[in-house]
Every structure is written in C-alpha cells, then in structure tokens.
PDB file of N, CA and C in Angstrom:
ATOM      1  N   UNK A   1       0.845  -1.174   0.000  1.00  0.00           N
ATOM      2  CA  UNK A   1       0.000   0.000   0.000  1.00  0.00           C
ATOM      3  C   UNK A   1       0.893   1.241   0.000  1.00  0.00           C
ATOM      4  N   UNK A   2       0.602   2.166  -0.856  1.00  0.00           N
ATOM      5  CA  UNK A   2       1.403   3.383  -0.903  1.00  0.00           C
ATOM      6  C   UNK A   2       0.975   4.341   0.202  1.00  0.00           C
ATOM      7  N   UNK A   3       1.857   5.291   0.515  1.00  0.00           N
ATOM      8  CA  UNK A   3       1.591   6.243   1.592  1.00  0.00           C
ATOM      9  C   UNK A   3       0.304   7.027   1.387  1.00  0.00           C
ATOM     10  N   UNK A   4       0.010   7.394   0.138  1.00  0.00           N
ATOM     11  CA  UNK A   4      -1.190   8.192  -0.094  1.00  0.00           C
ATOM     12  C   UNK A   4      -2.473   7.398   0.148  1.00  0.00           C
ATOM     13  N   UNK A   5      -2.398   6.098   0.202  1.00  0.00           N
ATOM     14  CA  UNK A   5      -3.554   5.267   0.543  1.00  0.00           C
ATOM     15  C   UNK A   5      -3.514   4.828   2.001  1.00  0.00           C
ATOM     16  N   UNK A   6      -2.329   4.739   2.568  1.00  0.00           N
ATOM     17  CA  UNK A   6      -2.174   4.250   3.934  1.00  0.00           C
ATOM     18  C   UNK A   6      -2.767   5.206   4.965  1.00  0.00           C
ATOM     19  N   UNK A   7      -2.446   6.486   4.881  1.00  0.00           N
ATOM     20  CA  UNK A   7      -2.887   7.433   5.900  1.00  0.00           C
ATOM     21  C   UNK A   7      -4.406   7.576   5.978  1.00  0.00           C
ATOM     22  N   UNK A   8      -5.120   7.693   4.863  1.00  0.00           N
ATOM     23  CA  UNK A   8      -6.585   7.751   4.981  1.00  0.00           C
ATOM     24  C   UNK A   8      -7.178   6.469   5.578  1.00  0.00           C
ATOM     25  N   UNK A   9      -6.634   5.332   5.210  1.00  0.00           N
ATOM     26  CA  UNK A   9      -7.126   4.062   5.753  1.00  0.00           C
ATOM     27  C   UNK A   9      -6.828   3.969   7.245  1.00  0.00           C
ATOM     28  N   UNK A  10      -5.628   4.383   7.647  1.00  0.00           N
ATOM     29  CA  UNK A  10      -5.259   4.376   9.058  1.00  0.00           C
ATOM     30  C   UNK A  10      -6.171   5.310   9.855  1.00  0.00           C
ATOM     31  N   UNK A  11      -6.441   6.478   9.316  1.00  0.00           N
ATOM     32  CA  UNK A  11      -7.357   7.415   9.979  1.00  0.00           C
ATOM     33  C   UNK A  11      -8.741   6.809  10.128  1.00  0.00           C
ATOM     34  N   UNK A  12      -9.212   6.149   9.094  1.00  0.00           N
ATOM     35  CA  UNK A  12     -10.523   5.497   9.157  1.00  0.00           C
ATOM     36  C   UNK A  12     -10.529   4.399  10.213  1.00  0.00           C
ATOM     37  N   UNK A  13      -9.473   3.605  10.273  1.00  0.00           N
ATOM     38  CA  UNK A  13      -9.381   2.550  11.287  1.00  0.00           C
ATOM     39  C   UNK A  13      -9.389   3.120  12.696  1.00  0.00           C
ATOM     40  N   UNK A  14      -8.685   4.219  12.917  1.00  0.00           N
ATOM     41  CA  UNK A  14      -8.673   4.846  14.241  1.00  0.00           C
ATOM     42  C   UNK A  14     -10.057   5.355  14.628  1.00  0.00           C
ATOM     43  N   UNK A  15     -10.786   5.918  13.686  1.00  0.00           N
ATOM     44  CA  UNK A  15     -12.157   6.350  13.967  1.00  0.00           C
ATOM     45  C   UNK A  15     -13.040   5.161  14.329  1.00  0.00           C
ATOM     46  N   UNK A  16     -12.850   4.050  13.650  1.00  0.00           N
ATOM     47  CA  UNK A  16     -13.616   2.843  13.962  1.00  0.00           C
ATOM     48  C   UNK A  16     -13.283   2.330  15.359  1.00  0.00           C
ATOM     49  N   UNK A  17     -12.013   2.388  15.742  1.00  0.00           N
ATOM     50  CA  UNK A  17     -11.603   1.965  17.083  1.00  0.00           C
ATOM     51  C   UNK A  17     -12.298   2.814  18.136  1.00  0.00           C
ATOM     52  N   UNK A  18     -12.357   4.123  17.914  1.00  0.00           N
ATOM     53  CA  UNK A  18     -12.985   5.015  18.885  1.00  0.00           C
ATOM     54  C   UNK A  18     -14.470   4.727  19.053  1.00  0.00           C
ATOM     55  N   UNK A  19     -15.121   4.261  18.002  1.00  0.00           N
ATOM     56  CA  UNK A  19     -16.550   3.942  18.071  1.00  0.00           C
ATOM     57  C   UNK A  19     -16.828   2.520  18.530  1.00  0.00           C
ATOM     58  N   UNK A  20     -15.801   1.698  18.641  1.00  0.00           N
ATOM     59  CA  UNK A  20     -15.976   0.286  18.968  1.00  0.00           C
ATOM     60  C   UNK A  20     -16.510   0.109  20.385  1.00  0.00           C
ATOM     61  N   UNK A  21     -17.609  -0.596  20.523  1.00  0.00           N
ATOM     62  CA  UNK A  21     -18.235  -0.844  21.823  1.00  0.00           C
ATOM     63  C   UNK A  21     -17.715  -2.115  22.487  1.00  0.00           C
ATOM     64  N   UNK A  22     -16.900  -2.889  21.804  1.00  0.00           N
ATOM     65  CA  UNK A  22     -16.507  -4.194  22.321  1.00  0.00           C
ATOM     66  C   UNK A  22     -15.080  -4.249  22.853  1.00  0.00           C
ATOM     67  N   UNK A  23     -14.147  -3.619  22.216  1.00  0.00           N
ATOM     68  CA  UNK A  23     -12.743  -3.856  22.540  1.00  0.00           C
ATOM     69  C   UNK A  23     -12.081  -2.759  23.373  1.00  0.00           C
ATOM     70  N   UNK A  24     -12.859  -1.975  24.093  1.00  0.00           N
ATOM     71  CA  UNK A  24     -12.259  -0.991  24.991  1.00  0.00           C
ATOM     72  C   UNK A  24     -11.612  -1.729  26.158  1.00  0.00           C
ATOM     73  N   UNK A  25     -10.637  -1.100  26.812  1.00  0.00           N
ATOM     74  CA  UNK A  25      -9.952  -1.787  27.905  1.00  0.00           C
ATOM     75  C   UNK A  25      -9.872  -0.967  29.186  1.00  0.00           C
ATOM     76  N   UNK A  26     -10.610   0.137  29.241  1.00  0.00           N
ATOM     77  CA  UNK A  26     -10.649   0.945  30.455  1.00  0.00           C
ATOM     78  C   UNK A  26     -11.972   1.699  30.520  1.00  0.00           C
ATOM     79  N   UNK A  27     -12.450   1.892  31.732  1.00  0.00           N
ATOM     80  CA  UNK A  27     -13.587   2.785  31.936  1.00  0.00           C
ATOM     81  C   UNK A  27     -13.116   3.934  32.816  1.00  0.00           C
ATOM     82  N   UNK A  28     -13.652   5.114  32.525  1.00  0.00           N
ATOM     83  CA  UNK A  28     -13.327   6.303  33.309  1.00  0.00           C
ATOM     84  C   UNK A  28     -14.636   6.869  33.830  1.00  0.00           C
ATOM     85  N   UNK A  29     -14.731   6.953  35.150  1.00  0.00           N
ATOM     86  CA  UNK A  29     -15.925   7.487  35.803  1.00  0.00           C
ATOM     87  C   UNK A  29     -15.624   8.915  36.229  1.00  0.00           C
ATOM     88  N   UNK A  30     -16.414   9.859  35.718  1.00  0.00           N
ATOM     89  CA  UNK A  30     -16.212  11.267  36.061  1.00  0.00           C
ATOM     90  C   UNK A  30     -17.443  11.811  36.770  1.00  0.00           C
ATOM     91  N   UNK A  31     -17.235  12.832  37.589  1.00  0.00           N
ATOM     92  CA  UNK A  31     -18.323  13.489  38.300  1.00  0.00           C
ATOM     93  C   UNK A  31     -18.645  12.824  39.618  1.00  0.00           C
ATOM     94  N   UNK A  32     -19.583  13.440  40.313  1.00  0.00           N
ATOM     95  CA  UNK A  32     -20.075  12.948  41.599  1.00  0.00           C
ATOM     96  C   UNK A  32     -21.554  12.636  41.487  1.00  0.00           C
ATOM     97  N   UNK A  33     -22.032  11.715  42.336  1.00  0.00           N
ATOM     98  CA  UNK A  33     -23.456  11.389  42.357  1.00  0.00           C
ATOM     99  C   UNK A  33     -24.262  12.649  42.585  1.00  0.00           C
ATOM    100  N   UNK A  34     -25.342  12.841  41.912  1.00  0.00           N
ATOM    101  CA  UNK A  34     -25.984  11.962  40.936  1.00  0.00           C
ATOM    102  C   UNK A  34     -25.520  12.203  39.501  1.00  0.00           C
ATOM    103  N   UNK A  35     -24.510  13.012  39.311  1.00  0.00           N
ATOM    104  CA  UNK A  35     -24.054  13.384  37.968  1.00  0.00           C
ATOM    105  C   UNK A  35     -22.784  12.643  37.578  1.00  0.00           C
ATOM    106  N   UNK A  36     -22.855  11.321  37.580  1.00  0.00           N
ATOM    107  CA  UNK A  36     -21.710  10.488  37.213  1.00  0.00           C
ATOM    108  C   UNK A  36     -21.891  10.004  35.780  1.00  0.00           C
ATOM    109  N   UNK A  37     -20.826  10.037  35.023  1.00  0.00           N
ATOM    110  CA  UNK A  37     -20.831   9.531  33.650  1.00  0.00           C
ATOM    111  C   UNK A  37     -19.650   8.585  33.501  1.00  0.00           C
ATOM    112  N   UNK A  38     -19.880   7.443  32.870  1.00  0.00           N
ATOM    113  CA  UNK A  38     -18.817   6.468  32.633  1.00  0.00           C
ATOM    114  C   UNK A  38     -18.478   6.467  31.144  1.00  0.00           C
ATOM    115  N   UNK A  39     -17.206   6.666  30.860  1.00  0.00           N
ATOM    116  CA  UNK A  39     -16.700   6.627  29.491  1.00  0.00           C
ATOM    117  C   UNK A  39     -15.920   5.340  29.286  1.00  0.00           C
ATOM    118  N   UNK A  40     -16.078   4.729  28.132  1.00  0.00           N
ATOM    119  CA  UNK A  40     -15.254   3.587  27.741  1.00  0.00           C
ATOM    120  C   UNK A  40     -14.149   4.123  26.845  1.00  0.00           C
ATOM    121  N   UNK A  41     -12.952   3.579  27.023  1.00  0.00           N
ATOM    122  CA  UNK A  41     -11.823   4.125  26.268  1.00  0.00           C
ATOM    123  C   UNK A  41     -10.778   3.053  25.997  1.00  0.00           C
ATOM    124  N   UNK A  42      -9.754   3.471  25.297  1.00  0.00           N
ATOM    125  CA  UNK A  42      -8.628   2.610  24.955  1.00  0.00           C
ATOM    126  C   UNK A  42      -7.381   3.202  25.611  1.00  0.00           C
ATOM    127  N   UNK A  43      -6.763   2.423  26.504  1.00  0.00           N
ATOM    128  CA  UNK A  43      -5.620   2.925  27.266  1.00  0.00           C
ATOM    129  C   UNK A  43      -4.494   3.437  26.378  1.00  0.00           C
ATOM    130  N   UNK A  44      -4.211   2.756  25.308  1.00  0.00           N
ATOM    131  CA  UNK A  44      -3.088   3.166  24.463  1.00  0.00           C
ATOM    132  C   UNK A  44      -3.330   4.563  23.892  1.00  0.00           C
ATOM    133  N   UNK A  45      -4.559   4.869  23.519  1.00  0.00           N
ATOM    134  CA  UNK A  45      -4.866   6.198  22.985  1.00  0.00           C
ATOM    135  C   UNK A  45      -4.774   7.243  24.090  1.00  0.00           C
ATOM    136  N   UNK A  46      -5.348   6.947  25.254  1.00  0.00           N
ATOM    137  CA  UNK A  46      -5.265   7.881  26.380  1.00  0.00           C
ATOM    138  C   UNK A  46      -3.817   8.142  26.767  1.00  0.00           C
ATOM    139  N   UNK A  47      -3.030   7.093  26.768  1.00  0.00           N
ATOM    140  CA  UNK A  47      -1.625   7.196  27.157  1.00  0.00           C
ATOM    141  C   UNK A  47      -0.855   8.175  26.271  1.00  0.00           C
ATOM    142  N   UNK A  48      -1.125   8.153  24.984  1.00  0.00           N
ATOM    143  CA  UNK A  48      -0.386   9.007  24.067  1.00  0.00           C
ATOM    144  C   UNK A  48      -1.010  10.379  23.868  1.00  0.00           C
ATOM    145  N   UNK A  49      -2.275  10.541  24.242  1.00  0.00           N
ATOM    146  CA  UNK A  49      -2.947  11.824  24.039  1.00  0.00           C
ATOM    147  C   UNK A  49      -2.975  12.716  25.269  1.00  0.00           C
ATOM    148  N   UNK A  50      -2.737  12.158  26.460  1.00  0.00           N
ATOM    149  CA  UNK A  50      -2.883  12.946  27.676  1.00  0.00           C
ATOM    150  C   UNK A  50      -1.778  12.636  28.687  1.00  0.00           C
ATOM    151  N   UNK A  51      -0.872  13.583  28.917  1.00  0.00           N
ATOM    152  CA  UNK A  51       0.156  13.371  29.944  1.00  0.00           C
ATOM    153  C   UNK A  51      -0.456  13.143  31.330  1.00  0.00           C
ATOM    154  N   UNK A  52      -1.563  13.810  31.620  1.00  0.00           N
ATOM    155  CA  UNK A  52      -2.248  13.641  32.907  1.00  0.00           C
ATOM    156  C   UNK A  52      -2.728  12.202  33.079  1.00  0.00           C
ATOM    157  N   UNK A  53      -3.426  11.681  32.066  1.00  0.00           N
ATOM    158  CA  UNK A  53      -3.917  10.303  32.154  1.00  0.00           C
ATOM    159  C   UNK A  53      -2.770   9.301  32.072  1.00  0.00           C
ATOM    160  N   UNK A  54      -1.708   9.634  31.383  1.00  0.00           N
ATOM    161  CA  UNK A  54      -0.541   8.745  31.332  1.00  0.00           C
ATOM    162  C   UNK A  54       0.009   8.507  32.738  1.00  0.00           C
ATOM    163  N   UNK A  55       0.087   9.580  33.538  1.00  0.00           N
ATOM    164  CA  UNK A  55       0.569   9.432  34.917  1.00  0.00           C
ATOM    165  C   UNK A  55      -0.371   8.546  35.729  1.00  0.00           C
ATOM    166  N   UNK A  56      -1.669   8.751  35.573  1.00  0.00           N
ATOM    167  CA  UNK A  56      -2.639   7.929  36.304  1.00  0.00           C
ATOM    168  C   UNK A  56      -2.544   6.474  35.857  1.00  0.00           C
ATOM    169  N   UNK A  57      -2.477   6.251  34.560  1.00  0.00           N
ATOM    170  CA  UNK A  57      -2.444   4.886  34.032  1.00  0.00           C
ATOM    171  C   UNK A  57      -1.164   4.154  34.407  1.00  0.00           C
ATOM    172  N   UNK A  58      -0.074   4.865  34.532  1.00  0.00           N
ATOM    173  CA  UNK A  58       1.181   4.196  34.877  1.00  0.00           C
ATOM    174  C   UNK A  58       1.148   3.619  36.288  1.00  0.00           C
ATOM    175  N   UNK A  59       0.285   4.139  37.140  1.00  0.00           N
ATOM    176  CA  UNK A  59       0.148   3.606  38.499  1.00  0.00           C
ATOM    177  C   UNK A  59      -1.066   2.703  38.644  1.00  0.00           C
ATOM    178  N   UNK A  60      -1.809   2.529  37.572  1.00  0.00           N
ATOM    179  CA  UNK A  60      -3.049   1.756  37.613  1.00  0.00           C
ATOM    180  C   UNK A  60      -3.083   0.789  36.434  1.00  0.00           C
ATOM    181  N   UNK A  61      -2.024   0.022  36.258  1.00  0.00           N
ATOM    182  CA  UNK A  61      -1.909  -0.868  35.100  1.00  0.00           C
ATOM    183  C   UNK A  61      -2.889  -2.029  35.174  1.00  0.00           C
ATOM    184  N   UNK A  62      -3.208  -2.552  34.005  1.00  0.00           N
ATOM    185  CA  UNK A  62      -4.129  -3.683  33.905  1.00  0.00           C
ATOM    186  C   UNK A  62      -3.562  -4.883  34.645  1.00  0.00           C
ATOM    187  N   UNK A  63      -4.427  -5.526  35.396  1.00  0.00           N
ATOM    188  CA  UNK A  63      -4.008  -6.693  36.168  1.00  0.00           C
ATOM    189  C   UNK A  63      -3.792  -7.882  35.238  1.00  0.00           C
ATOM    190  N   UNK A  64      -2.995  -8.835  35.679  1.00  0.00           N
ATOM    191  CA  UNK A  64      -2.708 -10.018  34.868  1.00  0.00           C
ATOM    192  C   UNK A  64      -3.925 -10.898  34.651  1.00  0.00           C
ATOM    193  N   UNK A  65      -4.955 -10.748  35.486  1.00  0.00           N
ATOM    194  CA  UNK A  65      -6.141 -11.591  35.334  1.00  0.00           C
ATOM    195  C   UNK A  65      -7.111 -11.055  34.278  1.00  0.00           C
ATOM    196  N   UNK A  66      -6.643 -10.075  33.487  1.00  0.00           N
ATOM    197  CA  UNK A  66      -7.425  -9.491  32.395  1.00  0.00           C
ATOM    198  C   UNK A  66      -8.661  -8.732  32.878  1.00  0.00           C
ATOM    199  N   UNK A  67      -8.686  -8.333  34.146  1.00  0.00           N
ATOM    200  CA  UNK A  67      -9.769  -7.517  34.662  1.00  0.00           C
ATOM    201  C   UNK A  67      -9.698  -6.134  34.023  1.00  0.00           C
ATOM    202  N   UNK A  68     -10.833  -5.612  33.668  1.00  0.00           N
ATOM    203  CA  UNK A  68     -10.904  -4.296  33.061  1.00  0.00           C
ATOM    204  C   UNK A  68     -10.412  -3.241  34.044  1.00  0.00           C
ATOM    205  N   UNK A  69      -9.580  -2.341  33.583  1.00  0.00           N
ATOM    206  CA  UNK A  69      -9.093  -1.249  34.415  1.00  0.00           C
ATOM    207  C   UNK A  69     -10.151  -0.161  34.477  1.00  0.00           C
ATOM    208  N   UNK A  70     -10.285   0.427  35.646  1.00  0.00           N
ATOM    209  CA  UNK A  70     -11.243   1.503  35.841  1.00  0.00           C
ATOM    210  C   UNK A  70     -10.605   2.579  36.700  1.00  0.00           C
ATOM    211  N   UNK A  71     -10.824   3.830  36.320  1.00  0.00           N
ATOM    212  CA  UNK A  71     -10.348   4.927  37.147  1.00  0.00           C
ATOM    213  C   UNK A  71     -11.504   5.876  37.420  1.00  0.00           C
ATOM    214  N   UNK A  72     -11.465   6.506  38.587  1.00  0.00           N
ATOM    215  CA  UNK A  72     -12.500   7.456  38.988  1.00  0.00           C
ATOM    216  C   UNK A  72     -11.880   8.835  39.087  1.00  0.00           C
ATOM    217  N   UNK A  73     -12.557   9.792  38.474  1.00  0.00           N
ATOM    218  CA  UNK A  73     -12.119  11.181  38.495  1.00  0.00           C
ATOM    219  C   UNK A  73     -13.296  12.041  38.964  1.00  0.00           C
ATOM    220  N   UNK A  74     -13.615  12.010  40.260  1.00  0.00           N
ATOM    221  CA  UNK A  74     -14.807  12.696  40.753  1.00  0.00           C
ATOM    222  C   UNK A  74     -14.741  14.215  40.640  1.00  0.00           C
ATOM    223  N   UNK A  75     -13.563  14.786  40.550  1.00  0.00           N
ATOM    224  CA  UNK A  75     -13.430  16.240  40.483  1.00  0.00           C
ATOM    225  C   UNK A  75     -13.508  16.791  39.063  1.00  0.00           C
ATOM    226  N   UNK A  76     -13.765  15.916  38.105  1.00  0.00           N
ATOM    227  CA  UNK A  76     -13.890  16.331  36.712  1.00  0.00           C
ATOM    228  C   UNK A  76     -15.331  16.099  36.284  1.00  0.00           C
ATOM    229  N   UNK A  77     -15.928  17.107  35.661  1.00  0.00           N
ATOM    230  CA  UNK A  77     -17.330  16.992  35.258  1.00  0.00           C
ATOM    231  C   UNK A  77     -17.454  16.310  33.897  1.00  0.00           C
ATOM    232  N   UNK A  78     -18.648  15.809  33.644  1.00  0.00           N
ATOM    233  CA  UNK A  78     -18.959  15.178  32.365  1.00  0.00           C
ATOM    234  C   UNK A  78     -18.705  16.145  31.213  1.00  0.00           C
ATOM    235  N   UNK A  79     -19.103  17.392  31.381  1.00  0.00           N
ATOM    236  CA  UNK A  79     -18.969  18.383  30.315  1.00  0.00           C
ATOM    237  C   UNK A  79     -17.507  18.606  29.919  1.00  0.00           C
ATOM    238  N   UNK A  80     -16.602  18.500  30.871  1.00  0.00           N
ATOM    239  CA  UNK A  80     -15.182  18.686  30.572  1.00  0.00           C
ATOM    240  C   UNK A  80     -14.618  17.550  29.723  1.00  0.00           C
ATOM    241  N   UNK A  81     -15.243  16.391  29.775  1.00  0.00           N
ATOM    242  CA  UNK A  81     -14.736  15.211  29.066  1.00  0.00           C
ATOM    243  C   UNK A  81     -15.477  14.910  27.780  1.00  0.00           C
ATOM    244  N   UNK A  82     -16.642  15.460  27.609  1.00  0.00           N
ATOM    245  CA  UNK A  82     -17.470  15.126  26.457  1.00  0.00           C
ATOM    246  C   UNK A  82     -16.892  15.735  25.182  1.00  0.00           C
ATOM    247  N   UNK A  83     -16.607  14.890  24.208  1.00  0.00           N
ATOM    248  CA  UNK A  83     -16.070  15.364  22.928  1.00  0.00           C
ATOM    249  C   UNK A  83     -17.039  15.089  21.786  1.00  0.00           C
ATOM    250  N   UNK A  84     -18.294  14.855  22.104  1.00  0.00           N
ATOM    251  CA  UNK A  84     -19.258  14.461  21.075  1.00  0.00           C
ATOM    252  C   UNK A  84     -19.764  15.626  20.240  1.00  0.00           C
ATOM    253  N   UNK A  85     -19.451  16.854  20.596  1.00  0.00           N
ATOM    254  CA  UNK A  85     -19.928  18.005  19.812  1.00  0.00           C
ATOM    255  C   UNK A  85     -19.203  18.136  18.512  1.00  0.00           C
TER     256      UNK A  85
END
C-alpha cells in the first residue's frame, strides 16, 4: 500500500476503534453522584494523548487476570470530558 492510501485508511481505522463498543480496555468514571458519567476508552490512545492520564495509568496498570481497568475522576465533570460536539 502506498503512503497516499495508507494514511486515509489508518485514519478510518482509528475512527472505527474510537466507536468500537466491544474492545475498549478501560472505563473512566467522572463526576459525583448523581451526575456520574462512565466513558469507555482505549488505554493506548489515552496514554499518548494525555500526559495527565498517562501518569494515572502508569500507576493503575491492567491486572494479569485481564480484569478491566477503571479509574475514577470525581473532580472532573462530564462536560469537561465530552467530545461528542
């Protein structure tokens, strides 16, 4: 595959990964009751896109028993994390 075909396909694949409901490997709970929102995400993307989350993830690595990793960020609101606009 030539470079001019590779990048658009790679971009399309990344968009598909972000929409994937099955293969996420972390949940992030933001806000406080009753305004809690849970986001599903991919650790590798969070790790490379956010230095803040990289620090959190480095201390909260996935367990060997394949249990889903979850982090809670009660001081962050849903609106601060929502990128659906």
